Amino acid sequence: MLADRLRELVAAGLVTHDQLPPGPATYTLTTDGRALLPALEQIRAWAQHRTP
């Protein structure tokens, strides 16, 4: 399930995927992905105030 979401984010251009043998895969936000951070922070703050 996580792998599916990561593939979707890569396909949407929000993250990049790199895998260098023999290490694990790494995912990095793209410029478009970083542009979403302020909106995601606002959603996080909204949710935090509404959960016990």
N, C-alpha and C. Protein backbone atom coordinates (compact mmCIF):
# COMPACT_ATOMS: atom_id res chain seq x y z
N MET A 1 0.82 -1.19 0.00
CA MET A 1 0.00 0.00 0.00
C MET A 1 0.87 1.26 0.00
N LEU A 2 1.88 1.32 0.86
CA LEU A 2 2.78 2.46 0.87
C LEU A 2 3.50 2.58 -0.47
N ALA A 3 3.94 1.46 -1.00
CA ALA A 3 4.64 1.48 -2.30
C ALA A 3 3.74 2.03 -3.39
N ASP A 4 2.45 1.69 -3.34
CA ASP A 4 1.50 2.21 -4.33
C ASP A 4 1.39 3.73 -4.23
N ARG A 5 1.28 4.24 -3.00
CA ARG A 5 1.17 5.70 -2.81
C ARG A 5 2.44 6.40 -3.28
N LEU A 6 3.60 5.81 -2.98
CA LEU A 6 4.86 6.43 -3.41
C LEU A 6 4.95 6.46 -4.94
N ARG A 7 4.53 5.38 -5.59
CA ARG A 7 4.53 5.37 -7.07
C ARG A 7 3.60 6.45 -7.62
N GLU A 8 2.45 6.65 -6.97
CA GLU A 8 1.52 7.71 -7.41
C GLU A 8 2.16 9.09 -7.25
N LEU A 9 2.86 9.31 -6.14
CA LEU A 9 3.51 10.60 -5.92
C LEU A 9 4.63 10.84 -6.93
N VAL A 10 5.36 9.78 -7.27
CA VAL A 10 6.40 9.90 -8.30
C VAL A 10 5.75 10.23 -9.64
N ALA A 11 4.68 9.52 -9.98
CA ALA A 11 3.99 9.75 -11.26
C ALA A 11 3.41 11.16 -11.34
N ALA A 12 3.00 11.70 -10.19
CA ALA A 12 2.44 13.06 -10.15
C ALA A 12 3.53 14.13 -10.16
N GLY A 13 4.79 13.72 -10.05
CA GLY A 13 5.88 14.68 -10.06
C GLY A 13 6.10 15.37 -8.73
N LEU A 14 5.58 14.79 -7.64
CA LEU A 14 5.73 15.41 -6.32
C LEU A 14 6.95 14.91 -5.57
N VAL A 15 7.43 13.73 -5.91
CA VAL A 15 8.65 13.18 -5.32
C VAL A 15 9.48 12.52 -6.40
N THR A 16 10.77 12.38 -6.12
CA THR A 16 11.66 11.61 -6.99
C THR A 16 12.06 10.35 -6.26
N HIS A 17 12.37 9.31 -7.01
CA HIS A 17 12.75 8.02 -6.45
C HIS A 17 14.16 7.70 -6.91
N ASP A 18 15.03 7.40 -5.96
CA ASP A 18 16.41 6.99 -6.27
C ASP A 18 16.72 5.73 -5.50
N GLN A 19 17.40 4.82 -6.16
CA GLN A 19 17.84 3.60 -5.47
C GLN A 19 19.24 3.28 -5.96
N LEU A 20 20.18 3.36 -5.04
CA LEU A 20 21.57 3.06 -5.36
C LEU A 20 21.95 1.74 -4.70
N PRO A 21 22.35 0.77 -5.49
CA PRO A 21 22.72 -0.53 -4.91
C PRO A 21 23.89 -0.37 -3.96
N PRO A 22 23.98 -1.03 -2.87
CA PRO A 22 23.01 -1.98 -2.36
C PRO A 22 22.06 -1.34 -1.34
N GLY A 23 21.99 -0.05 -1.29
CA GLY A 23 21.20 0.64 -0.28
C GLY A 23 19.72 0.66 -0.55
N PRO A 24 18.98 1.19 0.42
CA PRO A 24 17.53 1.28 0.26
C PRO A 24 17.14 2.42 -0.69
N ALA A 25 15.91 2.42 -1.09
CA ALA A 25 15.39 3.47 -1.96
C ALA A 25 15.25 4.76 -1.15
N THR A 26 15.44 5.88 -1.82
CA THR A 26 15.21 7.17 -1.18
C THR A 26 14.21 7.95 -2.01
N TYR A 27 13.39 8.72 -1.33
CA TYR A 27 12.38 9.56 -1.97
C TYR A 27 12.62 10.98 -1.52
N THR A 28 12.58 11.92 -2.47
CA THR A 28 12.85 13.33 -2.19
C THR A 28 11.75 14.17 -2.80
N LEU A 29 11.30 15.16 -2.05
CA LEU A 29 10.29 16.08 -2.60
C LEU A 29 10.86 16.87 -3.75
N THR A 30 10.07 17.04 -4.78
CA THR A 30 10.45 17.91 -5.89
C THR A 30 10.05 19.34 -5.54
N THR A 31 10.33 20.27 -6.42
CA THR A 31 9.91 21.66 -6.21
C THR A 31 8.40 21.74 -6.06
N ASP A 32 7.66 21.01 -6.89
CA ASP A 32 6.20 20.99 -6.77
C ASP A 32 5.76 20.39 -5.44
N GLY A 33 6.43 19.34 -5.00
CA GLY A 33 6.10 18.73 -3.72
C GLY A 33 6.35 19.69 -2.56
N ARG A 34 7.48 20.39 -2.61
CA ARG A 34 7.79 21.37 -1.55
C ARG A 34 6.80 22.53 -1.57
N ALA A 35 6.26 22.86 -2.72
CA ALA A 35 5.29 23.96 -2.81
C ALA A 35 4.01 23.63 -2.05
N LEU A 36 3.74 22.35 -1.83
CA LEU A 36 2.55 21.94 -1.09
C LEU A 36 2.72 22.02 0.43
N LEU A 37 3.95 22.16 0.91
CA LEU A 37 4.19 22.12 2.35
C LEU A 37 3.39 23.16 3.15
N PRO A 38 3.28 24.42 2.72
CA PRO A 38 2.48 25.37 3.49
C PRO A 38 1.01 24.95 3.61
N ALA A 39 0.45 24.43 2.55
CA ALA A 39 -0.95 23.98 2.60
C ALA A 39 -1.09 22.78 3.52
N LEU A 40 -0.14 21.84 3.45
CA LEU A 40 -0.20 20.67 4.32
C LEU A 40 -0.04 21.07 5.79
N GLU A 41 0.78 22.05 6.07
CA GLU A 41 0.94 22.54 7.44
C GLU A 41 -0.37 23.13 7.95
N GLN A 42 -1.07 23.85 7.12
CA GLN A 42 -2.36 24.41 7.52
C GLN A 42 -3.38 23.31 7.81
N ILE A 43 -3.39 22.27 7.00
CA ILE A 43 -4.29 21.15 7.23
C ILE A 43 -3.92 20.44 8.53
N ARG A 44 -2.63 20.24 8.77
CA ARG A 44 -2.18 19.61 10.01
C ARG A 44 -2.62 20.42 11.22
N ALA A 45 -2.43 21.73 11.19
CA ALA A 45 -2.82 22.60 12.30
C ALA A 45 -4.33 22.56 12.51
N TRP A 46 -5.10 22.58 11.44
CA TRP A 46 -6.56 22.50 11.53
C TRP A 46 -6.98 21.21 12.22
N ALA A 47 -6.39 20.08 11.78
CA ALA A 47 -6.74 18.78 12.34
C ALA A 47 -6.32 18.67 13.80
N GLN A 48 -5.19 19.24 14.13
CA GLN A 48 -4.69 19.15 15.52
C GLN A 48 -5.65 19.85 16.48
N HIS A 49 -6.24 20.94 16.07
CA HIS A 49 -7.16 21.67 16.93
C HIS A 49 -8.52 20.97 17.05
N ARG A 50 -8.78 20.00 16.19
CA ARG A 50 -10.09 19.34 16.18
C ARG A 50 -10.06 17.90 16.65
N THR A 51 -8.92 17.45 17.11
CA THR A 51 -8.84 16.08 17.62
C THR A 51 -8.50 16.12 19.10
N PRO A 52 -9.10 15.23 19.87
CA PRO A 52 -8.85 15.23 21.32
C PRO A 52 -7.45 14.75 21.68
